[in-house]
Structure formats: C-alpha cells, structure tokens
Amino acid sequence: MKRTLGAEPRYAYAISNAPRSTPLSPFVWLSGRRWAIEQCFEECQGEVGMDHDEVRKYPGWHHHMLMSMLAHFFLWHLKGGVGKKSARVDGVAAPAVA
C-alpha cells in the first residue's frame, strides 16, 4: 500500500500471491515499472495502432501486441537519433542527420 504526500493524500494498493518471505524491494521496483508499461500501451495505441486489432485467438493477439511494441521501440529509437551527427567511414564527423 502506498499514499501520496500532501493535504489530500491518495491511497493505492496492490495484492500479490508471492510467498511471505519475499523481500519488499521487488514489490517496490515492480510498482514503479507499472507506470512505464502503462505509458507504453498508451503511446502504442495512439501512434502505432495497437488498438486496431481484430484477432480471434491468443497467438494472433500476441503477435499483434509484439509487433506494435517493436514498432513503438523502433520509432522511439529513431527519435533519439534524430539531430545527432553520424560518423563517416573515415571517422570524420558528417553533417547533422535531418
């Protein structure tokens, strides 16, 4: 269970079926990773069409989700490289890539 700080705190909780001997640190780490996963799903639905599936069985759905996430990662990777200089074969920096 966690809560926000401030005048009107909000509470959130999660339930797990992990053994009682499990340390707290994995739960804290996993609760922080949830935001990144939700952000990925939201961006994939808006940018690469993750929500445009008409599959009937799990393998088709799984393939569509995987391809959407790979497309999102590819676009994210390209976005990170835009505007950086690329090196030529002789090691001299080339003009900026548009």
Protein backbone atom coordinates (compact mmCIF):
# COMPACT_ATOMS: atom_id res chain seq x y z
CA MET A 1 0.00 0.00 0.00
CA LYS A 2 1.26 3.49 -0.76
CA ARG A 3 -0.03 7.03 -0.45
CA THR A 4 0.86 10.40 -1.87
CA LEU A 5 2.06 13.31 0.24
CA GLY A 6 0.05 16.49 0.52
CA ALA A 7 -3.07 17.97 2.01
CA GLU A 8 -5.33 15.34 0.42
CA PRO A 9 -3.36 12.09 0.18
CA ARG A 10 -4.41 9.42 -2.30
CA TYR A 11 -4.00 5.77 -1.50
CA ALA A 12 -3.13 2.90 -3.83
CA TYR A 13 -2.66 -0.75 -3.10
CA ALA A 14 -1.72 -3.99 -4.80
CA ILE A 15 -2.34 -7.60 -3.93
CA SER A 16 0.23 -10.32 -4.50
CA ASN A 17 0.33 -14.08 -4.17
CA ALA A 18 4.09 -14.11 -3.55
CA PRO A 19 5.40 -16.01 -0.52
CA ARG A 20 5.59 -14.09 2.76
CA SER A 21 9.38 -14.49 2.73
CA THR A 22 9.67 -12.27 -0.37
CA PRO A 23 11.53 -9.05 0.49
CA LEU A 24 9.81 -5.69 -0.01
CA SER A 25 12.29 -4.33 -2.59
CA PRO A 26 10.98 -6.37 -5.58
CA PHE A 27 7.46 -5.12 -4.89
CA VAL A 28 8.64 -1.51 -4.79
CA TRP A 29 10.58 -1.98 -8.05
CA LEU A 30 7.63 -3.63 -9.78
CA SER A 31 5.19 -0.92 -8.68
CA GLY A 32 7.49 1.66 -10.28
CA ARG A 33 7.69 -0.34 -13.54
CA ARG A 34 3.92 -0.34 -13.87
CA TRP A 35 3.90 3.30 -14.97
CA ALA A 36 6.35 2.61 -17.81
CA ILE A 37 4.25 -0.29 -19.07
CA GLU A 38 1.04 1.76 -18.99
CA GLN A 39 2.80 4.62 -20.79
CA CYS A 40 4.00 2.19 -23.49
CA PHE A 41 0.48 0.85 -24.00
CA GLU A 42 -0.98 4.35 -24.23
CA GLU A 43 1.62 5.51 -26.77
CA CYS A 44 1.30 2.30 -28.80
CA GLN A 45 -2.46 2.74 -29.05
CA GLY A 46 -2.10 6.31 -30.28
CA GLU A 47 0.92 6.00 -32.56
CA VAL A 48 1.24 2.50 -33.99
CA GLY A 49 -2.30 1.13 -33.90
CA MET A 50 -2.13 -1.32 -31.04
CA ASP A 51 -5.87 -0.93 -30.53
CA HIS A 52 -6.65 -1.71 -34.20
CA ASP A 53 -6.69 -5.47 -33.87
CA GLU A 54 -9.38 -7.90 -34.92
CA VAL A 55 -7.89 -11.16 -33.79
CA ARG A 56 -9.82 -14.21 -32.67
CA LYS A 57 -7.18 -16.26 -30.86
CA TYR A 58 -4.32 -15.69 -28.44
CA PRO A 59 -1.44 -16.29 -30.93
CA GLY A 60 -2.81 -13.60 -33.25
CA TRP A 61 -3.32 -11.16 -30.39
CA HIS A 62 0.14 -11.89 -29.02
CA HIS A 63 1.70 -11.32 -32.45
CA HIS A 64 -0.14 -8.03 -32.91
CA MET A 65 0.93 -6.77 -29.45
CA LEU A 66 4.54 -7.79 -30.06
CA MET A 67 4.70 -6.11 -33.47
CA SER A 68 3.10 -2.95 -32.07
CA MET A 69 5.63 -2.75 -29.24
CA LEU A 70 8.54 -3.42 -31.60
CA ALA A 71 7.29 -0.68 -33.95
CA HIS A 72 6.99 1.69 -30.98
CA PHE A 73 10.53 0.84 -29.82
CA PHE A 74 11.86 1.35 -33.38
CA LEU A 75 10.22 4.79 -33.61
CA TRP A 76 11.48 5.70 -30.12
CA HIS A 77 15.00 4.63 -31.12
CA LEU A 78 14.84 6.68 -34.34
CA LYS A 79 13.54 9.71 -32.44
CA GLY A 80 16.55 9.52 -30.11
CA GLY A 81 18.99 9.56 -33.03
CA VAL A 82 17.44 12.45 -34.97
CA GLY A 83 19.63 15.53 -34.97
CA LYS A 84 22.81 13.73 -33.92
CA LYS A 85 25.88 13.64 -36.10
CA SER A 86 26.82 10.36 -37.70
CA ALA A 87 30.44 9.39 -38.30
CA ARG A 88 31.68 8.72 -41.84
CA VAL A 89 33.72 5.67 -42.72
CA ASP A 90 37.00 7.59 -42.29
CA GLY A 91 35.97 8.62 -38.76
CA VAL A 92 35.33 12.28 -39.56
CA ALA A 93 32.02 13.61 -38.27
CA ALA A 94 29.46 14.12 -41.01
CA PRO A 95 26.87 16.92 -41.07
CA ALA A 96 23.84 16.51 -38.81
CA VAL A 97 21.25 13.96 -39.92
CA ALA A 98 17.84 15.51 -40.53
